[in-house]
Amino acid sequence: MTRWRGSRKVDPTATLPDRYVQSNFEAMNALKLGMEKSGFRGREDTPKLIEALEGLEMKEGDDFPQGDKTLRKEDHQAFIREFIFDVHEGKYRILEVIPKEKTVFRRNANSPDRVVVK
């Protein structure tokens, strides 16, 4: 069976990227920023690296194609803009774009594993 992606023929024996490939790509770029910011050179610099990553603001661009994001200091949770869409007859339609500021939730102080959605 011949598979096509756009106008390109796809090798049917090849493994296609999963749906998380962009997140992994951006995670490596965030790690690079943290390493540069902290002057990371080895294990002994791990606390400095963690401090550099906490609260990190990333701007949309080649290194962060999913858009602006923030890495929250308290629990290292990342927040990005979200898309609500539907698929009809194989076509995607964006219904709403939710800015990252509206995706932030606060932690429930009484229970570290529960969150409160605004």
C-alpha atoms as a PDB file:
ATOM      1  CA  MET A   1       0.000   0.000   0.000  1.00  0.00           C
ATOM      2  CA  THR A   2       1.399   3.377  -0.994  1.00  0.00           C
ATOM      3  CA  ARG A   3       0.967   6.131   1.587  1.00  0.00           C
ATOM      4  CA  TRP A   4       1.240   9.799   0.764  1.00  0.00           C
ATOM      5  CA  ARG A   5       1.838  12.819   2.958  1.00  0.00           C
ATOM      6  CA  GLY A   6       0.957  15.825   0.849  1.00  0.00           C
ATOM      7  CA  SER A   7       2.724  15.286  -2.464  1.00  0.00           C
ATOM      8  CA  ARG A   8       5.452  13.070  -0.949  1.00  0.00           C
ATOM      9  CA  LYS A   9       5.422   9.309  -1.008  1.00  0.00           C
ATOM     10  CA  VAL A  10       5.897   7.858   2.494  1.00  0.00           C
ATOM     11  CA  ASP A  11       7.864   4.676   3.108  1.00  0.00           C
ATOM     12  CA  PRO A  12       5.232   2.317   4.562  1.00  0.00           C
ATOM     13  CA  THR A  13       7.878   0.542   6.654  1.00  0.00           C
ATOM     14  CA  ALA A  14       9.083   3.767   8.256  1.00  0.00           C
ATOM     15  CA  THR A  15       7.923   4.879  11.683  1.00  0.00           C
ATOM     16  CA  LEU A  16       6.100   8.194  11.559  1.00  0.00           C
ATOM     17  CA  PRO A  17       6.579  10.757  14.339  1.00  0.00           C
ATOM     18  CA  ASP A  18       4.105  10.501  17.188  1.00  0.00           C
ATOM     19  CA  ARG A  19       1.843  13.346  18.291  1.00  0.00           C
ATOM     20  CA  TYR A  20       4.334  14.450  20.964  1.00  0.00           C
ATOM     21  CA  VAL A  21       7.318  15.124  18.717  1.00  0.00           C
ATOM     22  CA  GLN A  22       6.826  18.914  18.865  1.00  0.00           C
ATOM     23  CA  SER A  23       6.701  18.838  22.675  1.00  0.00           C
ATOM     24  CA  ASN A  24       9.934  16.864  22.810  1.00  0.00           C
ATOM     25  CA  PHE A  25      11.557  19.296  20.370  1.00  0.00           C
ATOM     26  CA  GLU A  26      10.504  22.260  22.509  1.00  0.00           C
ATOM     27  CA  ALA A  27      11.586  20.540  25.741  1.00  0.00           C
ATOM     28  CA  MET A  28      15.112  20.160  24.367  1.00  0.00           C
ATOM     29  CA  ASN A  29      15.150  23.833  23.364  1.00  0.00           C
ATOM     30  CA  ALA A  30      13.958  24.834  26.855  1.00  0.00           C
ATOM     31  CA  LEU A  31      16.696  22.689  28.377  1.00  0.00           C
ATOM     32  CA  LYS A  32      19.238  24.397  26.105  1.00  0.00           C
ATOM     33  CA  LEU A  33      18.023  27.837  27.283  1.00  0.00           C
ATOM     34  CA  GLY A  34      18.264  26.733  30.911  1.00  0.00           C
ATOM     35  CA  MET A  35      21.772  25.348  30.403  1.00  0.00           C
ATOM     36  CA  GLU A  36      22.930  28.572  28.759  1.00  0.00           C
ATOM     37  CA  LYS A  37      21.273  30.753  31.416  1.00  0.00           C
ATOM     38  CA  SER A  38      22.739  28.751  34.313  1.00  0.00           C
ATOM     39  CA  GLY A  39      26.187  28.123  32.858  1.00  0.00           C
ATOM     40  CA  PHE A  40      25.557  24.384  33.302  1.00  0.00           C
ATOM     41  CA  ARG A  41      28.702  22.285  32.864  1.00  0.00           C
ATOM     42  CA  GLY A  42      27.945  19.102  34.796  1.00  0.00           C
ATOM     43  CA  ARG A  43      26.014  17.405  37.600  1.00  0.00           C
ATOM     44  CA  GLU A  44      27.288  19.823  40.202  1.00  0.00           C
ATOM     45  CA  ASP A  45      25.387  22.597  38.365  1.00  0.00           C
ATOM     46  CA  THR A  46      22.013  20.804  38.543  1.00  0.00           C
ATOM     47  CA  PRO A  47      20.553  23.145  41.226  1.00  0.00           C
ATOM     48  CA  LYS A  48      21.502  26.171  39.091  1.00  0.00           C
ATOM     49  CA  LEU A  49      19.893  24.565  36.040  1.00  0.00           C
ATOM     50  CA  ILE A  50      16.647  23.904  37.922  1.00  0.00           C
ATOM     51  CA  GLU A  51      16.605  27.505  39.162  1.00  0.00           C
ATOM     52  CA  ALA A  52      17.168  28.785  35.614  1.00  0.00           C
ATOM     53  CA  LEU A  53      14.253  26.721  34.279  1.00  0.00           C
ATOM     54  CA  GLU A  54      11.797  27.701  37.015  1.00  0.00           C
ATOM     55  CA  GLY A  55       9.569  30.475  35.718  1.00  0.00           C
ATOM     56  CA  LEU A  56      11.156  30.316  32.263  1.00  0.00           C
ATOM     57  CA  GLU A  57       9.233  32.296  29.625  1.00  0.00           C
ATOM     58  CA  MET A  58       9.566  30.997  26.077  1.00  0.00           C
ATOM     59  CA  LYS A  59       8.496  33.005  23.040  1.00  0.00           C
ATOM     60  CA  GLU A  60       7.004  31.606  19.850  1.00  0.00           C
ATOM     61  CA  GLY A  61       9.581  31.134  17.111  1.00  0.00           C
ATOM     62  CA  ASP A  62      11.644  28.462  15.394  1.00  0.00           C
ATOM     63  CA  ASP A  63      12.593  26.894  18.749  1.00  0.00           C
ATOM     64  CA  PHE A  64       9.034  27.076  20.130  1.00  0.00           C
ATOM     65  CA  PRO A  65       6.633  26.608  17.193  1.00  0.00           C
ATOM     66  CA  GLN A  66       3.668  25.788  19.482  1.00  0.00           C
ATOM     67  CA  GLY A  67       3.708  29.371  20.743  1.00  0.00           C
ATOM     68  CA  ASP A  68       4.578  31.298  23.885  1.00  0.00           C
ATOM     69  CA  LYS A  69       4.767  29.238  27.042  1.00  0.00           C
ATOM     70  CA  THR A  70       5.606  29.569  30.718  1.00  0.00           C
ATOM     71  CA  LEU A  71       7.180  26.966  32.995  1.00  0.00           C
ATOM     72  CA  ARG A  72       5.665  27.527  36.446  1.00  0.00           C
ATOM     73  CA  LYS A  73       8.228  27.676  39.252  1.00  0.00           C
ATOM     74  CA  GLU A  74       6.170  25.931  41.922  1.00  0.00           C
ATOM     75  CA  ASP A  75       5.586  22.630  40.134  1.00  0.00           C
ATOM     76  CA  HIS A  76       7.359  22.886  36.753  1.00  0.00           C
ATOM     77  CA  GLN A  77       4.037  22.707  34.867  1.00  0.00           C
ATOM     78  CA  ALA A  78       4.181  24.286  31.405  1.00  0.00           C
ATOM     79  CA  PHE A  79       1.281  26.323  30.045  1.00  0.00           C
ATOM     80  CA  ILE A  80       0.677  26.993  26.348  1.00  0.00           C
ATOM     81  CA  ARG A  81      -2.162  28.260  24.201  1.00  0.00           C
ATOM     82  CA  GLU A  82      -4.768  25.636  23.368  1.00  0.00           C
ATOM     83  CA  PHE A  83      -6.863  25.044  20.279  1.00  0.00           C
ATOM     84  CA  ILE A  84     -10.423  23.782  20.242  1.00  0.00           C
ATOM     85  CA  PHE A  85     -11.215  22.297  16.871  1.00  0.00           C
ATOM     86  CA  ASP A  86     -13.417  19.834  15.110  1.00  0.00           C
ATOM     87  CA  VAL A  87     -12.835  17.526  12.183  1.00  0.00           C
ATOM     88  CA  HIS A  88     -15.448  17.223   9.485  1.00  0.00           C
ATOM     89  CA  GLU A  89     -14.933  15.124   6.363  1.00  0.00           C
ATOM     90  CA  GLY A  90     -11.207  14.961   7.098  1.00  0.00           C
ATOM     91  CA  LYS A  91     -10.767  18.731   7.420  1.00  0.00           C
ATOM     92  CA  TYR A  92      -9.715  20.482  10.628  1.00  0.00           C
ATOM     93  CA  ARG A  93     -11.542  23.647  11.647  1.00  0.00           C
ATOM     94  CA  ILE A  94     -10.308  25.780  14.538  1.00  0.00           C
ATOM     95  CA  LEU A  95     -13.275  26.861  16.632  1.00  0.00           C
ATOM     96  CA  GLU A  96     -11.407  28.790  19.310  1.00  0.00           C
ATOM     97  CA  VAL A  97      -7.862  29.648  20.390  1.00  0.00           C
ATOM     98  CA  ILE A  98      -7.407  29.890  24.146  1.00  0.00           C
ATOM     99  CA  PRO A  99      -4.437  32.058  25.224  1.00  0.00           C
ATOM    100  CA  LYS A 100      -1.927  30.461  27.597  1.00  0.00           C
ATOM    101  CA  GLU A 101      -2.909  32.867  30.373  1.00  0.00           C
ATOM    102  CA  LYS A 102      -6.374  31.290  30.428  1.00  0.00           C
ATOM    103  CA  THR A 103      -4.982  27.743  30.650  1.00  0.00           C
ATOM    104  CA  VAL A 104      -3.209  28.386  33.950  1.00  0.00           C
ATOM    105  CA  PHE A 105      -4.771  26.705  36.952  1.00  0.00           C
ATOM    106  CA  ARG A 106      -3.822  27.175  40.578  1.00  0.00           C
ATOM    107  CA  ARG A 107      -2.810  24.369  42.853  1.00  0.00           C
ATOM    108  CA  ASN A 108      -5.033  23.397  45.768  1.00  0.00           C
ATOM    109  CA  ALA A 109      -2.848  24.103  48.815  1.00  0.00           C
ATOM    110  CA  ASN A 110      -4.606  21.430  50.889  1.00  0.00           C
ATOM    111  CA  SER A 111      -3.871  18.612  48.482  1.00  0.00           C
ATOM    112  CA  PRO A 112      -0.719  18.609  46.329  1.00  0.00           C
ATOM    113  CA  ASP A 113      -2.215  16.182  43.799  1.00  0.00           C
ATOM    114  CA  ARG A 114      -5.425  18.159  43.169  1.00  0.00           C
ATOM    115  CA  VAL A 115      -5.915  21.318  41.221  1.00  0.00           C
ATOM    116  CA  VAL A 116      -8.572  24.001  41.088  1.00  0.00           C
ATOM    117  CA  VAL A 117      -9.557  25.202  37.619  1.00  0.00           C
ATOM    118  CA  LYS A 118     -10.390  28.905  37.325  1.00  0.00           C
END
